[in-house]
Amino acid sequence: MNKTIINFIVTIILAYILSMFMPWWSVMTAALATSLFIPLQKVAVFFVPFLAILLFWSIYCFVLSSGNDYTLANRIAVLFPLSGNPYLLIVVTGVIGGLAAGITAMFGKQLSLALKKN
């Protein structure tokens, strides 16, 4: 299998496992670990973990919100300029998690390059 696909799948699996025991920033730990052990090249360093966590958090939020008929998501979406749309809130949540994971993966890549020089 391609390194990109392996990194994508391992990031999602690791983020899911860590999110059971750790707070929201566990997705950043998953992105850091996968970028250290399954290195990617060029823009894939950012976009693969970004898309993995975007997908993971969006689906996870959708499943959690559908369990209570989007009651909490509707109320939170009213607080933000989202016109009370819970689906848009789910997408925004996924993008925020994806950005956190992508930036952390770039840090992990730079860390692995720095460790290789020494």
PDB file of N, CA and C in Angstrom:
ATOM      1  N   MET A   1       0.842  -1.194   0.000  1.00  0.00           N
ATOM      2  CA  MET A   1       0.000   0.000   0.000  1.00  0.00           C
ATOM      3  C   MET A   1       0.879   1.247   0.000  1.00  0.00           C
ATOM      4  N   ASN A   2       0.297   2.303  -0.453  1.00  0.00           N
ATOM      5  CA  ASN A   2       0.977   3.580  -0.538  1.00  0.00           C
ATOM      6  C   ASN A   2       1.170   4.174   0.869  1.00  0.00           C
ATOM      7  N   LYS A   3       2.296   4.879   1.072  1.00  0.00           N
ATOM      8  CA  LYS A   3       2.564   5.499   2.374  1.00  0.00           C
ATOM      9  C   LYS A   3       1.479   6.501   2.764  1.00  0.00           C
ATOM     10  N   THR A   4       0.943   7.200   1.769  1.00  0.00           N
ATOM     11  CA  THR A   4      -0.084   8.201   2.036  1.00  0.00           C
ATOM     12  C   THR A   4      -1.340   7.553   2.608  1.00  0.00           C
ATOM     13  N   ILE A   5      -1.752   6.459   2.020  1.00  0.00           N
ATOM     14  CA  ILE A   5      -2.959   5.767   2.487  1.00  0.00           C
ATOM     15  C   ILE A   5      -2.727   5.154   3.868  1.00  0.00           C
ATOM     16  N   ILE A   6      -1.543   4.594   4.060  1.00  0.00           N
ATOM     17  CA  ILE A   6      -1.225   4.006   5.363  1.00  0.00           C
ATOM     18  C   ILE A   6      -1.235   5.084   6.443  1.00  0.00           C
ATOM     19  N   ASN A   7      -0.618   6.235   6.157  1.00  0.00           N
ATOM     20  CA  ASN A   7      -0.598   7.344   7.113  1.00  0.00           C
ATOM     21  C   ASN A   7      -2.017   7.801   7.421  1.00  0.00           C
ATOM     22  N   PHE A   8      -2.855   7.922   6.396  1.00  0.00           N
ATOM     23  CA  PHE A   8      -4.245   8.343   6.562  1.00  0.00           C
ATOM     24  C   PHE A   8      -4.996   7.391   7.491  1.00  0.00           C
ATOM     25  N   ILE A   9      -4.893   6.107   7.218  1.00  0.00           N
ATOM     26  CA  ILE A   9      -5.636   5.112   7.996  1.00  0.00           C
ATOM     27  C   ILE A   9      -5.110   5.027   9.431  1.00  0.00           C
ATOM     28  N   VAL A  10      -3.783   5.020   9.582  1.00  0.00           N
ATOM     29  CA  VAL A  10      -3.201   4.927  10.921  1.00  0.00           C
ATOM     30  C   VAL A  10      -3.534   6.169  11.744  1.00  0.00           C
ATOM     31  N   THR A  11      -3.562   7.337  11.098  1.00  0.00           N
ATOM     32  CA  THR A  11      -3.923   8.564  11.820  1.00  0.00           C
ATOM     33  C   THR A  11      -5.345   8.481  12.352  1.00  0.00           C
ATOM     34  N   ILE A  12      -6.277   8.014  11.540  1.00  0.00           N
ATOM     35  CA  ILE A  12      -7.670   7.890  11.983  1.00  0.00           C
ATOM     36  C   ILE A  12      -7.796   6.871  13.115  1.00  0.00           C
ATOM     37  N   ILE A  13      -7.155   5.717  12.956  1.00  0.00           N
ATOM     38  CA  ILE A  13      -7.261   4.674  13.980  1.00  0.00           C
ATOM     39  C   ILE A  13      -6.638   5.136  15.297  1.00  0.00           C
ATOM     40  N   LEU A  14      -5.459   5.732  15.203  1.00  0.00           N
ATOM     41  CA  LEU A  14      -4.787   6.213  16.408  1.00  0.00           C
ATOM     42  C   LEU A  14      -5.569   7.349  17.070  1.00  0.00           C
ATOM     43  N   ALA A  15      -6.130   8.239  16.265  1.00  0.00           N
ATOM     44  CA  ALA A  15      -6.939   9.329  16.822  1.00  0.00           C
ATOM     45  C   ALA A  15      -8.184   8.778  17.515  1.00  0.00           C
ATOM     46  N   TYR A  16      -8.790   7.772  16.948  1.00  0.00           N
ATOM     47  CA  TYR A  16      -9.980   7.175  17.570  1.00  0.00           C
ATOM     48  C   TYR A  16      -9.627   6.523  18.909  1.00  0.00           C
ATOM     49  N   ILE A  17      -8.543   5.766  18.919  1.00  0.00           N
ATOM     50  CA  ILE A  17      -8.145   5.091  20.158  1.00  0.00           C
ATOM     51  C   ILE A  17      -7.764   6.107  21.238  1.00  0.00           C
ATOM     52  N   LEU A  18      -6.978   7.113  20.852  1.00  0.00           N
ATOM     53  CA  LEU A  18      -6.557   8.108  21.837  1.00  0.00           C
ATOM     54  C   LEU A  18      -7.714   8.982  22.320  1.00  0.00           C
ATOM     55  N   SER A  19      -8.690   9.223  21.457  1.00  0.00           N
ATOM     56  CA  SER A  19      -9.809  10.081  21.860  1.00  0.00           C
ATOM     57  C   SER A  19     -10.718   9.420  22.890  1.00  0.00           C
ATOM     58  N   MET A  20     -10.581   8.114  23.062  1.00  0.00           N
ATOM     59  CA  MET A  20     -11.356   7.436  24.099  1.00  0.00           C
ATOM     60  C   MET A  20     -10.821   7.746  25.494  1.00  0.00           C
ATOM     61  N   PHE A  21      -9.513   8.052  25.575  1.00  0.00           N
ATOM     62  CA  PHE A  21      -8.877   8.213  26.877  1.00  0.00           C
ATOM     63  C   PHE A  21      -8.339   9.613  27.146  1.00  0.00           C
ATOM     64  N   MET A  22      -8.190  10.412  26.099  1.00  0.00           N
ATOM     65  CA  MET A  22      -7.548  11.717  26.240  1.00  0.00           C
ATOM     66  C   MET A  22      -8.489  12.823  25.766  1.00  0.00           C
ATOM     67  N   PRO A  23      -8.172  14.070  26.056  1.00  0.00           N
ATOM     68  CA  PRO A  23      -9.007  15.196  25.603  1.00  0.00           C
ATOM     69  C   PRO A  23      -8.909  15.413  24.090  1.00  0.00           C
ATOM     70  N   TRP A  24      -9.468  16.524  23.644  1.00  0.00           N
ATOM     71  CA  TRP A  24      -9.583  16.803  22.220  1.00  0.00           C
ATOM     72  C   TRP A  24      -8.228  16.867  21.521  1.00  0.00           C
ATOM     73  N   TRP A  25      -7.175  17.243  22.220  1.00  0.00           N
ATOM     74  CA  TRP A  25      -5.876  17.396  21.587  1.00  0.00           C
ATOM     75  C   TRP A  25      -5.196  16.067  21.297  1.00  0.00           C
ATOM     76  N   SER A  26      -5.846  14.971  21.579  1.00  0.00           N
ATOM     77  CA  SER A  26      -5.273  13.661  21.265  1.00  0.00           C
ATOM     78  C   SER A  26      -5.111  13.468  19.759  1.00  0.00           C
ATOM     79  N   VAL A  27      -5.910  14.176  18.956  1.00  0.00           N
ATOM     80  CA  VAL A  27      -5.742  14.078  17.500  1.00  0.00           C
ATOM     81  C   VAL A  27      -4.399  14.665  17.081  1.00  0.00           C
ATOM     82  N   MET A  28      -3.923  15.644  17.830  1.00  0.00           N
ATOM     83  CA  MET A  28      -2.618  16.221  17.532  1.00  0.00           C
ATOM     84  C   MET A  28      -1.516  15.224  17.880  1.00  0.00           C
ATOM     85  N   THR A  29      -1.695  14.468  18.932  1.00  0.00           N
ATOM     86  CA  THR A  29      -0.738  13.423  19.292  1.00  0.00           C
ATOM     87  C   THR A  29      -0.697  12.338  18.221  1.00  0.00           C
ATOM     88  N   ALA A  30      -1.860  11.984  17.703  1.00  0.00           N
ATOM     89  CA  ALA A  30      -1.928  10.980  16.637  1.00  0.00           C
ATOM     90  C   ALA A  30      -1.231  11.477  15.373  1.00  0.00           C
ATOM     91  N   ALA A  31      -1.448  12.722  15.014  1.00  0.00           N
ATOM     92  CA  ALA A  31      -0.811  13.288  13.816  1.00  0.00           C
ATOM     93  C   ALA A  31       0.701  13.385  14.000  1.00  0.00           C
ATOM     94  N   LEU A  32       1.136  13.739  15.193  1.00  0.00           N
ATOM     95  CA  LEU A  32       2.568  13.827  15.479  1.00  0.00           C
ATOM     96  C   LEU A  32       3.219  12.452  15.374  1.00  0.00           C
ATOM     97  N   ALA A  33       2.592  11.451  15.955  1.00  0.00           N
ATOM     98  CA  ALA A  33       3.159  10.097  15.934  1.00  0.00           C
ATOM     99  C   ALA A  33       3.226   9.544  14.513  1.00  0.00           C
ATOM    100  N   THR A  34       2.169   9.726  13.745  1.00  0.00           N
ATOM    101  CA  THR A  34       2.192   9.190  12.382  1.00  0.00           C
ATOM    102  C   THR A  34       3.165   9.946  11.493  1.00  0.00           C
ATOM    103  N   SER A  35       3.343  11.238  11.734  1.00  0.00           N
ATOM    104  CA  SER A  35       4.306  11.975  10.913  1.00  0.00           C
ATOM    105  C   SER A  35       5.744  11.610  11.275  1.00  0.00           C
ATOM    106  N   LEU A  36       5.974  11.178  12.499  1.00  0.00           N
ATOM    107  CA  LEU A  36       7.309  10.735  12.888  1.00  0.00           C
ATOM    108  C   LEU A  36       7.633   9.344  12.351  1.00  0.00           C
ATOM    109  N   PHE A  37       6.672   8.436  12.375  1.00  0.00           N
ATOM    110  CA  PHE A  37       6.941   7.043  12.030  1.00  0.00           C
ATOM    111  C   PHE A  37       6.571   6.666  10.600  1.00  0.00           C
ATOM    112  N   ILE A  38       5.680   7.427   9.971  1.00  0.00           N
ATOM    113  CA  ILE A  38       5.318   7.190   8.570  1.00  0.00           C
ATOM    114  C   ILE A  38       5.497   8.519   7.839  1.00  0.00           C
ATOM    115  N   PRO A  39       6.728   8.865   7.497  1.00  0.00           N
ATOM    116  CA  PRO A  39       6.980  10.195   6.932  1.00  0.00           C
ATOM    117  C   PRO A  39       6.394  10.351   5.524  1.00  0.00           C
ATOM    118  N   LEU A  40       5.911  11.546   5.255  1.00  0.00           N
ATOM    119  CA  LEU A  40       5.371  11.899   3.946  1.00  0.00           C
ATOM    120  C   LEU A  40       6.210  13.014   3.340  1.00  0.00           C
ATOM    121  N   GLN A  41       5.960  13.321   2.096  1.00  0.00           N
ATOM    122  CA  GLN A  41       6.733  14.343   1.396  1.00  0.00           C
ATOM    123  C   GLN A  41       5.842  15.509   0.992  1.00  0.00           C
ATOM    124  N   LYS A  42       6.440  16.675   0.907  1.00  0.00           N
ATOM    125  CA  LYS A  42       5.852  17.910   0.381  1.00  0.00           C
ATOM    126  C   LYS A  42       4.539  18.259   1.064  1.00  0.00           C
ATOM    127  N   VAL A  43       3.501  18.595   0.298  1.00  0.00           N
ATOM    128  CA  VAL A  43       2.246  19.072   0.886  1.00  0.00           C
ATOM    129  C   VAL A  43       1.433  17.953   1.537  1.00  0.00           C
ATOM    130  N   ALA A  44       1.770  16.710   1.235  1.00  0.00           N
ATOM    131  CA  ALA A  44       1.055  15.586   1.859  1.00  0.00           C
ATOM    132  C   ALA A  44       1.284  15.553   3.359  1.00  0.00           C
ATOM    133  N   VAL A  45       2.394  16.141   3.818  1.00  0.00           N
ATOM    134  CA  VAL A  45       2.685  16.190   5.256  1.00  0.00           C
ATOM    135  C   VAL A  45       1.554  16.908   5.993  1.00  0.00           C
ATOM    136  N   PHE A  46       1.025  17.960   5.403  1.00  0.00           N
ATOM    137  CA  PHE A  46      -0.073  18.712   6.027  1.00  0.00           C
ATOM    138  C   PHE A  46      -1.430  18.118   5.674  1.00  0.00           C
ATOM    139  N   PHE A  47      -1.668  17.847   4.396  1.00  0.00           N
ATOM    140  CA  PHE A  47      -3.020  17.538   3.948  1.00  0.00           C
ATOM    141  C   PHE A  47      -3.519  16.147   4.317  1.00  0.00           C
ATOM    142  N   VAL A  48      -2.647  15.165   4.429  1.00  0.00           N
ATOM    143  CA  VAL A  48      -3.115  13.820   4.792  1.00  0.00           C
ATOM    144  C   VAL A  48      -3.655  13.792   6.227  1.00  0.00           C
ATOM    145  N   PRO A  49      -2.919  14.278   7.236  1.00  0.00           N
ATOM    146  CA  PRO A  49      -3.508  14.324   8.583  1.00  0.00           C
ATOM    147  C   PRO A  49      -4.691  15.291   8.669  1.00  0.00           C
ATOM    148  N   PHE A  50      -4.618  16.399   7.920  1.00  0.00           N
ATOM    149  CA  PHE A  50      -5.738  17.339   7.905  1.00  0.00           C
ATOM    150  C   PHE A  50      -7.015  16.645   7.448  1.00  0.00           C
ATOM    151  N   LEU A  51      -6.951  15.952   6.325  1.00  0.00           N
ATOM    152  CA  LEU A  51      -8.145  15.276   5.806  1.00  0.00           C
ATOM    153  C   LEU A  51      -8.574  14.106   6.686  1.00  0.00           C
ATOM    154  N   ALA A  52      -7.603  13.406   7.275  1.00  0.00           N
ATOM    155  CA  ALA A  52      -7.941  12.275   8.154  1.00  0.00           C
ATOM    156  C   ALA A  52      -8.722  12.745   9.375  1.00  0.00           C
ATOM    157  N   ILE A  53      -8.256  13.797  10.024  1.00  0.00           N
ATOM    158  CA  ILE A  53      -8.931  14.281  11.224  1.00  0.00           C
ATOM    159  C   ILE A  53     -10.213  15.028  10.865  1.00  0.00           C
ATOM    160  N   LEU A  54     -10.221  15.720   9.741  1.00  0.00           N
ATOM    161  CA  LEU A  54     -11.462  16.351   9.276  1.00  0.00           C
ATOM    162  C   LEU A  54     -12.549  15.299   9.105  1.00  0.00           C
ATOM    163  N   LEU A  55     -12.209  14.205   8.460  1.00  0.00           N
ATOM    164  CA  LEU A  55     -13.166  13.120   8.262  1.00  0.00           C
ATOM    165  C   LEU A  55     -13.552  12.475   9.592  1.00  0.00           C
ATOM    166  N   PHE A  56     -12.561  12.191  10.427  1.00  0.00           N
ATOM    167  CA  PHE A  56     -12.826  11.539  11.711  1.00  0.00           C
ATOM    168  C   PHE A  56     -13.725  12.391  12.597  1.00  0.00           C
ATOM    169  N   TRP A  57     -13.358  13.669  12.797  1.00  0.00           N
ATOM    170  CA  TRP A  57     -14.152  14.527  13.673  1.00  0.00           C
ATOM    171  C   TRP A  57     -15.532  14.813  13.100  1.00  0.00           C
ATOM    172  N   SER A  58     -15.637  14.967  11.800  1.00  0.00           N
ATOM    173  CA  SER A  58     -16.952  15.239  11.200  1.00  0.00           C
ATOM    174  C   SER A  58     -17.886  14.052  11.395  1.00  0.00           C
ATOM    175  N   ILE A  59     -17.396  12.867  11.131  1.00  0.00           N
ATOM    176  CA  ILE A  59     -18.235  11.679  11.312  1.00  0.00           C
ATOM    177  C   ILE A  59     -18.549  11.457  12.784  1.00  0.00           C
ATOM    178  N   TYR A  60     -17.552  11.634  13.637  1.00  0.00           N
ATOM    179  CA  TYR A  60     -17.741  11.446  15.075  1.00  0.00           C
ATOM    180  C   TYR A  60     -18.771  12.443  15.624  1.00  0.00           C
ATOM    181  N   CYS A  61     -18.665  13.704  15.217  1.00  0.00           N
ATOM    182  CA  CYS A  61     -19.628  14.721  15.657  1.00  0.00           C
ATOM    183  C   CYS A  61     -21.017  14.443  15.105  1.00  0.00           C
ATOM    184  N   PHE A  62     -21.079  13.979  13.871  1.00  0.00           N
ATOM    185  CA  PHE A  62     -22.375  13.657  13.270  1.00  0.00           C
ATOM    186  C   PHE A  62     -23.061  12.528  14.033  1.00  0.00           C
ATOM    187  N   VAL A  63     -22.297  11.500  14.360  1.00  0.00           N
ATOM    188  CA  VAL A  63     -22.866  10.358  15.093  1.00  0.00           C
ATOM    189  C   VAL A  63     -23.320  10.778  16.484  1.00  0.00           C
ATOM    190  N   LEU A  64     -22.490  11.549  17.188  1.00  0.00           N
ATOM    191  CA  LEU A  64     -22.871  11.997  18.525  1.00  0.00           C
ATOM    192  C   LEU A  64     -24.082  12.927  18.491  1.00  0.00           C
ATOM    193  N   SER A  65     -24.123  13.815  17.510  1.00  0.00           N
ATOM    194  CA  SER A  65     -25.225  14.775  17.436  1.00  0.00           C
ATOM    195  C   SER A  65     -26.527  14.139  16.975  1.00  0.00           C
ATOM    196  N   SER A  66     -26.436  13.149  16.121  1.00  0.00           N
ATOM    197  CA  SER A  66     -27.666  12.515  15.648  1.00  0.00           C
ATOM    198  C   SER A  66     -28.329  11.703  16.764  1.00  0.00           C
ATOM    199  N   GLY A  67     -27.559  11.322  17.766  1.00  0.00           N
ATOM    200  CA  GLY A  67     -28.113  10.573  18.890  1.00  0.00           C
ATOM    201  C   GLY A  67     -29.092  11.374  19.723  1.00  0.00           C
ATOM    202  N   ASN A  68     -28.946  12.700  19.736  1.00  0.00           N
ATOM    203  CA  ASN A  68     -29.882  13.536  20.500  1.00  0.00           C
ATOM    204  C   ASN A  68     -30.630  14.507  19.590  1.00  0.00           C
ATOM    205  N   ASP A  69     -30.764  14.142  18.325  1.00  0.00           N
ATOM    206  CA  ASP A  69     -31.525  14.914  17.339  1.00  0.00           C
ATOM    207  C   ASP A  69     -30.967  16.337  17.178  1.00  0.00           C
ATOM    208  N   TYR A  70     -29.643  16.468  17.258  1.00  0.00           N
ATOM    209  CA  TYR A  70     -28.923  17.731  17.027  1.00  0.00           C
ATOM    210  C   TYR A  70     -29.348  18.860  17.974  1.00  0.00           C
ATOM    211  N   THR A  71     -29.819  18.521  19.142  1.00  0.00           N
ATOM    212  CA  THR A  71     -30.270  19.539  20.083  1.00  0.00           C
ATOM    213  C   THR A  71     -29.135  20.460  20.515  1.00  0.00           C
ATOM    214  N   LEU A  72     -28.043  19.894  20.997  1.00  0.00           N
ATOM    215  CA  LEU A  72     -26.917  20.715  21.437  1.00  0.00           C
ATOM    216  C   LEU A  72     -26.249  21.413  20.257  1.00  0.00           C
ATOM    217  N   ALA A  73     -26.138  20.723  19.138  1.00  0.00           N
ATOM    218  CA  ALA A  73     -25.514  21.329  17.952  1.00  0.00           C
ATOM    219  C   ALA A  73     -26.322  22.525  17.459  1.00  0.00           C
ATOM    220  N   ASN A  74     -27.630  22.428  17.515  1.00  0.00           N
ATOM    221  CA  ASN A  74     -28.477  23.570  17.132  1.00  0.00           C
ATOM    222  C   ASN A  74     -28.237  24.761  18.050  1.00  0.00           C
ATOM    223  N   ARG A  75     -28.146  24.501  19.330  1.00  0.00           N
ATOM    224  CA  ARG A  75     -27.948  25.592  20.288  1.00  0.00           C
ATOM    225  C   ARG A  75     -26.572  26.246  20.138  1.00  0.00           C
ATOM    226  N   ILE A  76     -25.551  25.440  19.882  1.00  0.00           N
ATOM    227  CA  ILE A  76     -24.216  26.005  19.705  1.00  0.00           C
ATOM    228  C   ILE A  76     -24.123  26.736  18.374  1.00  0.00           C
ATOM    229  N   ALA A  77     -24.765  26.221  17.342  1.00  0.00           N
ATOM    230  CA  ALA A  77     -24.732  26.870  16.025  1.00  0.00           C
ATOM    231  C   ALA A  77     -25.403  28.239  16.058  1.00  0.00           C
ATOM    232  N   VAL A  78     -26.330  28.449  16.980  1.00  0.00           N
ATOM    233  CA  VAL A  78     -26.965  29.758  17.127  1.00  0.00           C
ATOM    234  C   VAL A  78     -25.974  30.762  17.717  1.00  0.00           C
ATOM    235  N   LEU A  79     -25.080  30.292  18.587  1.00  0.00           N
ATOM    236  CA  LEU A  79     -24.103  31.180  19.211  1.00  0.00           C
ATOM    237  C   LEU A  79     -23.082  31.717  18.207  1.00  0.00           C
ATOM    238  N   PHE A  80     -22.763  30.918  17.203  1.00  0.00           N
ATOM    239  CA  PHE A  80     -21.825  31.327  16.165  1.00  0.00           C
ATOM    240  C   PHE A  80     -22.602  31.857  14.965  1.00  0.00           C
ATOM    241  N   PRO A  81     -21.950  32.588  14.077  1.00  0.00           N
ATOM    242  CA  PRO A  81     -22.681  33.085  12.894  1.00  0.00           C
ATOM    243  C   PRO A  81     -22.886  31.983  11.848  1.00  0.00           C
ATOM    244  N   LEU A  82     -23.599  30.937  12.223  1.00  0.00           N
ATOM    245  CA  LEU A  82     -23.849  29.802  11.338  1.00  0.00           C
ATOM    246  C   LEU A  82     -25.330  29.644  11.017  1.00  0.00           C
ATOM    247  N   SER A  83     -26.129  30.624  11.370  1.00  0.00           N
ATOM    248  CA  SER A  83     -27.576  30.616  11.121  1.00  0.00           C
ATOM    249  C   SER A  83     -28.273  29.425  11.758  1.00  0.00           C
ATOM    250  N   GLY A  84     -27.736  28.911  12.836  1.00  0.00           N
ATOM    251  CA  GLY A  84     -28.366  27.797  13.535  1.00  0.00           C
ATOM    252  C   GLY A  84     -28.269  26.480  12.794  1.00  0.00           C
ATOM    253  N   ASN A  85     -27.355  26.357  11.841  1.00  0.00           N
ATOM    254  CA  ASN A  85     -27.212  25.143  11.044  1.00  0.00           C
ATOM    255  C   ASN A  85     -26.247  24.168  11.727  1.00  0.00           C
ATOM    256  N   PRO A  86     -26.764  23.043  12.250  1.00  0.00           N
ATOM    257  CA  PRO A  86     -25.880  22.116  12.959  1.00  0.00           C
ATOM    258  C   PRO A  86     -24.907  21.402  12.028  1.00  0.00           C
ATOM    259  N   TYR A  87     -25.258  21.216  10.774  1.00  0.00           N
ATOM    260  CA  TYR A  87     -24.379  20.535   9.832  1.00  0.00           C
ATOM    261  C   TYR A  87     -23.162  21.398   9.501  1.00  0.00           C
ATOM    262  N   LEU A  88     -23.380  22.690   9.408  1.00  0.00           N
ATOM    263  CA  LEU A  88     -22.272  23.610   9.180  1.00  0.00           C
ATOM    264  C   LEU A  88     -21.352  23.635  10.397  1.00  0.00           C
ATOM    265  N   LEU A  89     -21.926  23.521  11.582  1.00  0.00           N
ATOM    266  CA  LEU A  89     -21.123  23.442  12.804  1.00  0.00           C
ATOM    267  C   LEU A  89     -20.258  22.183  12.797  1.00  0.00           C
ATOM    268  N   ILE A  90     -20.788  21.084  12.313  1.00  0.00           N
ATOM    269  CA  ILE A  90     -20.030  19.839  12.229  1.00  0.00           C
ATOM    270  C   ILE A  90     -18.851  19.994  11.271  1.00  0.00           C
ATOM    271  N   VAL A  91     -19.064  20.667  10.151  1.00  0.00           N
ATOM    272  CA  VAL A  91     -17.980  20.893   9.194  1.00  0.00           C
ATOM    273  C   VAL A  91     -16.917  21.815   9.794  1.00  0.00           C
ATOM    274  N   VAL A  92     -17.345  22.885  10.470  1.00  0.00           N
ATOM    275  CA  VAL A  92     -16.398  23.808  11.102  1.00  0.00           C
ATOM    276  C   VAL A  92     -15.586  23.079  12.172  1.00  0.00           C
ATOM    277  N   THR A  93     -16.225  22.220  12.924  1.00  0.00           N
ATOM    278  CA  THR A  93     -15.532  21.432  13.942  1.00  0.00           C
ATOM    279  C   THR A  93     -14.470  20.540  13.303  1.00  0.00           C
ATOM    280  N   GLY A  94     -14.833  19.899  12.193  1.00  0.00           N
ATOM    281  CA  GLY A  94     -13.870  19.055  11.491  1.00  0.00           C
ATOM    282  C   GLY A  94     -12.693  19.839  10.944  1.00  0.00           C
ATOM    283  N   VAL A  95     -12.955  21.036  10.427  1.00  0.00           N
ATOM    284  CA  VAL A  95     -11.875  21.870   9.882  1.00  0.00           C
ATOM    285  C   VAL A  95     -10.925  22.315  10.986  1.00  0.00           C
ATOM    286  N   ILE A  96     -11.462  22.670  12.134  1.00  0.00           N
ATOM    287  CA  ILE A  96     -10.607  23.085  13.257  1.00  0.00           C
ATOM    288  C   ILE A  96      -9.716  21.925  13.711  1.00  0.00           C
ATOM    289  N   GLY A  97     -10.290  20.751  13.829  1.00  0.00           N
ATOM    290  CA  GLY A  97      -9.484  19.585  14.193  1.00  0.00           C
ATOM    291  C   GLY A  97      -8.463  19.241  13.129  1.00  0.00           C
ATOM    292  N   GLY A  98      -8.846  19.376  11.871  1.00  0.00           N
ATOM    293  CA  GLY A  98      -7.924  19.112  10.770  1.00  0.00           C
ATOM    294  C   GLY A  98      -6.758  20.074  10.750  1.00  0.00           C
ATOM    295  N   LEU A  99      -7.045  21.356  11.009  1.00  0.00           N
ATOM    296  CA  LEU A  99      -5.960  22.344  11.068  1.00  0.00           C
ATOM    297  C   LEU A  99      -4.988  22.028  12.199  1.00  0.00           C
ATOM    298  N   ALA A 100      -5.520  21.664  13.349  1.00  0.00           N
ATOM    299  CA  ALA A 100      -4.659  21.314  14.475  1.00  0.00           C
ATOM    300  C   ALA A 100      -3.787  20.106  14.139  1.00  0.00           C
ATOM    301  N   ALA A 101      -4.369  19.103  13.501  1.00  0.00           N
ATOM    302  CA  ALA A 101      -3.609  17.904  13.146  1.00  0.00           C
ATOM    303  C   ALA A 101      -2.588  18.188  12.054  1.00  0.00           C
ATOM    304  N   GLY A 102      -2.963  18.972  11.056  1.00  0.00           N
ATOM    305  CA  GLY A 102      -2.043  19.278   9.968  1.00  0.00           C
ATOM    306  C   GLY A 102      -0.836  20.067  10.426  1.00  0.00           C
ATOM    307  N   ILE A 103      -1.059  21.057  11.264  1.00  0.00           N
ATOM    308  CA  ILE A 103       0.049  21.866  11.778  1.00  0.00           C
ATOM    309  C   ILE A 103       0.954  21.020  12.670  1.00  0.00           C
ATOM    310  N   THR A 104       0.365  20.142  13.469  1.00  0.00           N
ATOM    311  CA  THR A 104       1.166  19.271  14.325  1.00  0.00           C
ATOM    312  C   THR A 104       1.967  18.272  13.497  1.00  0.00           C
ATOM    313  N   ALA A 105       1.392  17.788  12.399  1.00  0.00           N
ATOM    314  CA  ALA A 105       2.116  16.864  11.526  1.00  0.00           C
ATOM    315  C   ALA A 105       3.300  17.558  10.861  1.00  0.00           C
ATOM    316  N   MET A 106       3.138  18.829  10.501  1.00  0.00           N
ATOM    317  CA  MET A 106       4.270  19.573   9.944  1.00  0.00           C
ATOM    318  C   MET A 106       5.372  19.718  10.994  1.00  0.00           C
ATOM    319  N   PHE A 107       4.990  19.952  12.242  1.00  0.00           N
ATOM    320  CA  PHE A 107       5.968  20.004  13.329  1.00  0.00           C
ATOM    321  C   PHE A 107       6.674  18.659  13.479  1.00  0.00           C
ATOM    322  N   GLY A 108       5.913  17.570  13.382  1.00  0.00           N
ATOM    323  CA  GLY A 108       6.507  16.237  13.491  1.00  0.00           C
ATOM    324  C   GLY A 108       7.500  15.958  12.373  1.00  0.00           C
ATOM    325  N   LYS A 109       7.190  16.409  11.174  1.00  0.00           N
ATOM    326  CA  LYS A 109       8.114  16.236  10.047  1.00  0.00           C
ATOM    327  C   LYS A 109       9.393  17.022  10.285  1.00  0.00           C
ATOM    328  N   GLN A 110       9.272  18.264  10.754  1.00  0.00           N
ATOM    329  CA  GLN A 110      10.449  19.073  11.039  1.00  0.00           C
ATOM    330  C   GLN A 110      11.266  18.472  12.184  1.00  0.00           C
ATOM    331  N   LEU A 111      10.580  17.912  13.166  1.00  0.00           N
ATOM    332  CA  LEU A 111      11.263  17.264  14.279  1.00  0.00           C
ATOM    333  C   LEU A 111      12.041  16.045  13.804  1.00  0.00           C
ATOM    334  N   SER A 112      11.448  15.253  12.920  1.00  0.00           N
ATOM    335  CA  SER A 112      12.153  14.071  12.407  1.00  0.00           C
ATOM    336  C   SER A 112      13.358  14.471  11.566  1.00  0.00           C
ATOM    337  N   LEU A 113      13.249  15.548  10.803  1.00  0.00           N
ATOM    338  CA  LEU A 113      14.395  16.030  10.021  1.00  0.00           C
ATOM    339  C   LEU A 113      15.505  16.533  10.948  1.00  0.00           C
ATOM    340  N   ALA A 114      15.138  17.218  12.024  1.00  0.00           N
ATOM    341  CA  ALA A 114      16.132  17.714  12.970  1.00  0.00           C
ATOM    342  C   ALA A 114      16.826  16.568  13.696  1.00  0.00           C
ATOM    343  N   LEU A 115      16.090  15.515  14.019  1.00  0.00           N
ATOM    344  CA  LEU A 115      16.695  14.371  14.702  1.00  0.00           C
ATOM    345  C   LEU A 115      17.606  13.578  13.773  1.00  0.00           C
ATOM    346  N   LYS A 116      17.303  13.554  12.476  1.00  0.00           N
ATOM    347  CA  LYS A 116      18.143  12.849  11.523  1.00  0.00           C
ATOM    348  C   LYS A 116      19.493  13.539  11.340  1.00  0.00           C
ATOM    349  N   LYS A 117      19.515  14.854  11.442  1.00  0.00           N
ATOM    350  CA  LYS A 117      20.770  15.598  11.265  1.00  0.00           C
ATOM    351  C   LYS A 117      21.740  15.316  12.400  1.00  0.00           C
ATOM    352  N   ASN A 118      21.221  15.036  13.564  1.00  0.00           N
ATOM    353  CA  ASN A 118      22.090  14.776  14.727  1.00  0.00           C
ATOM    354  C   ASN A 118      22.394  13.337  14.797  1.00  0.00           C
TER     355      ASN A 118
END
